[in-house]
Amino acid sequence: MKLIVVGKAAAGKDHLKKKIENKGFKSGISYTTRQPRQNEKEGEDYYFVSEKQFDQIIESGQMLEWMEFNNWKYGLSIEEFEKADVMIMSKDGLDMLPKAYRDRCLVIYLDIPRMTRVQRLNDRNDVNDSIWRRMSTDDEQFDKFSDFDIRIKNEDF
C-alpha cells in the first residue's frame, strides 16, 4: 500500500510527508521544471530539470503522471512511484493515475481552511506565484473533488 497526499496550495502536504518520512517511510520525489524555492534541495524535494529533460521523460513512457501548473511542469516517474511509500500529487496528477496504480494507494486529502492557507502563502513569500491566482485555481480544481480515502480538515495536524 502506498500513501498519496493531495491538497490545495499551502495545505501542509510537505509537512505531512516529512512527518511520515520521520517514521521511516520513503517518499517519492517528483520532477519539476520550476526553479527551486529557498531551502529546497535537488533530489530531496524535487528533481529540478529543464523542460526538454522533462519532455524526454514523458516521451520515453517513464512519467506515470504529470501536469502543467503556472507554466511549470510537475510529474512523478514510474520508478519513483515504485520505490516510494508516500508521495505528493496534484489533483490533476491523481486524475491521470491509471486505475491499476490508484488501487494500490490510500489517498489523504488535506482540506485546510482557506484563510489558514492564505496566511501560509503570505508567510512563504513565494515571488514565483500570485496567492489569489493559486486560490482561484485551487477552488476550480478541487470543486466536487471526491477521489480520496481520508480527508483532514484540521490545520493543526
Protein backbone atom coordinates (compact mmCIF):
# COMPACT_ATOMS: atom_id res chain seq x y z
CA MET A 1 0.00 0.00 0.00
CA LYS A 2 1.23 3.46 -0.89
CA LEU A 3 0.14 6.81 0.55
CA ILE A 4 -0.65 9.76 -1.69
CA VAL A 5 -1.03 13.21 -0.12
CA VAL A 6 -3.09 15.67 -2.13
CA GLY A 7 -4.35 19.13 -1.28
CA LYS A 8 -4.62 22.75 -2.22
CA ALA A 9 -1.72 25.21 -2.09
CA ALA A 10 -0.21 25.55 1.41
CA ALA A 11 -2.42 22.80 2.83
CA GLY A 12 0.57 21.18 4.53
CA LYS A 13 1.39 18.43 2.04
CA ASP A 14 5.15 18.72 2.54
CA HIS A 15 4.69 18.96 6.32
CA LEU A 16 2.67 15.74 6.41
CA LYS A 17 5.08 13.98 4.04
CA LYS A 18 8.01 14.91 6.31
CA LYS A 19 6.16 13.60 9.39
CA ILE A 20 5.59 10.30 7.60
CA GLU A 21 9.23 10.19 6.43
CA ASN A 22 10.36 10.74 10.03
CA LYS A 23 8.59 7.47 10.90
CA GLY A 24 10.79 5.63 8.39
CA PHE A 25 8.68 5.73 5.24
CA LYS A 26 10.36 6.51 1.90
CA SER A 27 8.96 9.32 -0.19
CA GLY A 28 8.73 9.58 -3.94
CA ILE A 29 10.42 12.58 -5.48
CA SER A 30 8.64 14.43 -8.26
CA TYR A 31 10.24 16.16 -11.22
CA THR A 32 9.63 19.83 -11.93
CA THR A 33 10.71 22.43 -14.45
CA ARG A 34 10.36 25.31 -11.98
CA GLN A 35 13.27 26.84 -10.12
CA PRO A 36 13.91 25.68 -6.55
CA ARG A 37 12.40 27.69 -3.71
CA GLN A 38 14.64 28.78 -0.87
CA ASN A 39 15.70 25.73 1.19
CA GLU A 40 14.60 23.18 -1.45
CA LYS A 41 17.23 20.59 -2.31
CA GLU A 42 17.83 18.73 -5.57
CA GLY A 43 16.98 15.06 -5.23
CA GLU A 44 15.32 15.59 -1.87
CA ASP A 45 12.41 17.94 -2.53
CA TYR A 46 12.27 17.61 -6.34
CA TYR A 47 14.37 16.69 -9.31
CA PHE A 48 14.77 20.09 -10.95
CA VAL A 49 15.05 19.55 -14.70
CA SER A 50 14.79 21.54 -17.91
CA GLU A 51 11.63 21.47 -19.97
CA LYS A 52 13.49 19.43 -22.59
CA GLN A 53 14.55 16.82 -20.00
CA PHE A 54 11.01 16.64 -18.63
CA ASP A 55 9.55 16.13 -22.10
CA GLN A 56 12.10 13.37 -22.78
CA ILE A 57 10.95 11.51 -19.67
CA ILE A 58 7.33 11.76 -20.86
CA GLU A 59 8.23 10.66 -24.41
CA SER A 60 10.16 7.65 -23.06
CA GLY A 61 6.99 6.46 -21.28
CA GLN A 62 8.60 6.72 -17.84
CA MET A 63 6.40 9.52 -16.44
CA LEU A 64 3.47 7.98 -14.57
CA GLU A 65 1.56 11.21 -14.11
CA TRP A 66 2.28 14.83 -14.86
CA MET A 67 0.62 18.20 -15.12
CA GLU A 68 1.38 21.78 -16.02
CA PHE A 69 0.80 24.50 -13.44
CA ASN A 70 1.65 28.18 -13.90
CA ASN A 71 3.80 27.32 -16.96
CA TRP A 72 5.86 24.77 -14.97
CA LYS A 73 5.59 21.02 -15.29
CA TYR A 74 5.41 18.62 -12.37
CA GLY A 75 5.32 14.84 -12.50
CA LEU A 76 6.17 11.54 -10.89
CA SER A 77 8.06 8.82 -12.71
CA ILE A 78 7.07 5.16 -12.60
CA GLU A 79 10.43 4.42 -10.95
CA GLU A 80 9.80 6.90 -8.12
CA PHE A 81 6.27 5.57 -7.61
CA GLU A 82 7.53 2.01 -7.30
CA LYS A 83 10.20 2.76 -4.71
CA ALA A 84 8.09 5.16 -2.63
CA ASP A 85 5.84 4.60 0.37
CA VAL A 86 4.44 8.14 0.37
CA MET A 87 4.21 10.78 -2.34
CA ILE A 88 2.60 14.12 -3.02
CA MET A 89 0.41 14.51 -6.09
CA SER A 90 -1.69 17.26 -7.54
CA LYS A 91 -5.38 16.63 -8.08
CA ASP A 92 -4.72 16.57 -11.83
CA GLY A 93 -1.89 14.07 -11.34
CA LEU A 94 -4.16 11.86 -9.28
CA ASP A 95 -6.77 12.05 -12.06
CA MET A 96 -4.14 10.78 -14.53
CA LEU A 97 -3.09 7.87 -12.35
CA PRO A 98 -4.01 4.59 -14.05
CA LYS A 99 -6.53 2.51 -12.09
CA ALA A 100 -4.02 -0.30 -11.50
CA TYR A 101 -1.78 2.20 -9.68
CA ARG A 102 -4.63 4.03 -7.90
CA ASP A 103 -5.92 0.73 -6.50
CA ARG A 104 -2.59 0.30 -4.68
CA CYS A 105 -2.90 3.65 -2.89
CA LEU A 106 -4.52 5.32 0.09
CA VAL A 107 -5.21 8.98 -0.77
CA ILE A 108 -5.11 11.54 2.05
CA TYR A 109 -6.79 14.84 1.13
CA LEU A 110 -5.68 17.88 3.13
CA ASP A 111 -8.73 20.16 3.02
CA ILE A 112 -7.39 23.01 5.14
CA PRO A 113 -9.36 26.27 5.61
CA ARG A 114 -8.73 28.98 3.03
CA MET A 115 -7.57 31.69 5.45
CA THR A 116 -5.00 29.34 7.02
CA ARG A 117 -3.62 28.62 3.55
CA VAL A 118 -3.57 32.32 2.61
CA GLN A 119 -1.57 33.08 5.76
CA ARG A 120 0.88 30.26 4.99
CA LEU A 121 1.34 31.52 1.43
CA ASN A 122 1.92 35.06 2.74
CA ASP A 123 4.50 33.70 5.19
CA ARG A 124 6.17 31.72 2.41
CA ASN A 125 6.61 34.91 0.35
CA ASP A 126 6.86 32.96 -2.91
CA VAL A 127 7.72 35.53 -5.59
CA ASN A 128 7.02 32.99 -8.36
CA ASP A 129 3.26 32.98 -7.97
CA SER A 130 0.22 35.06 -7.02
CA ILE A 131 -1.63 33.95 -3.89
CA TRP A 132 -5.02 34.90 -5.28
CA ARG A 133 -4.36 33.13 -8.57
CA ARG A 134 -3.44 29.98 -6.64
CA MET A 135 -6.58 30.23 -4.50
CA SER A 136 -8.72 30.65 -7.61
CA THR A 137 -7.05 27.72 -9.39
CA ASP A 138 -7.48 25.53 -6.29
CA ASP A 139 -11.16 26.42 -6.00
CA GLU A 140 -11.68 25.36 -9.60
CA GLN A 141 -9.57 22.18 -9.43
CA PHE A 142 -10.99 20.87 -6.16
CA ASP A 143 -14.64 21.69 -6.85
CA LYS A 144 -16.53 18.43 -6.15
CA PHE A 145 -13.27 16.54 -5.50
CA SER A 146 -14.07 13.13 -4.06
CA ASP A 147 -11.25 10.74 -5.09
CA PHE A 148 -9.79 10.40 -1.59
CA ASP A 149 -9.86 7.83 1.18
CA ILE A 150 -9.14 10.12 4.15
CA ARG A 151 -9.94 13.84 4.48
CA ILE A 152 -8.10 16.00 7.03
CA LYS A 153 -9.66 19.38 7.79
CA ASN A 154 -7.67 20.19 10.94
CA GLU A 155 -4.80 22.55 10.14
CA ASP A 156 -3.08 21.60 13.42
CA PHE A 157 -2.22 18.02 12.43
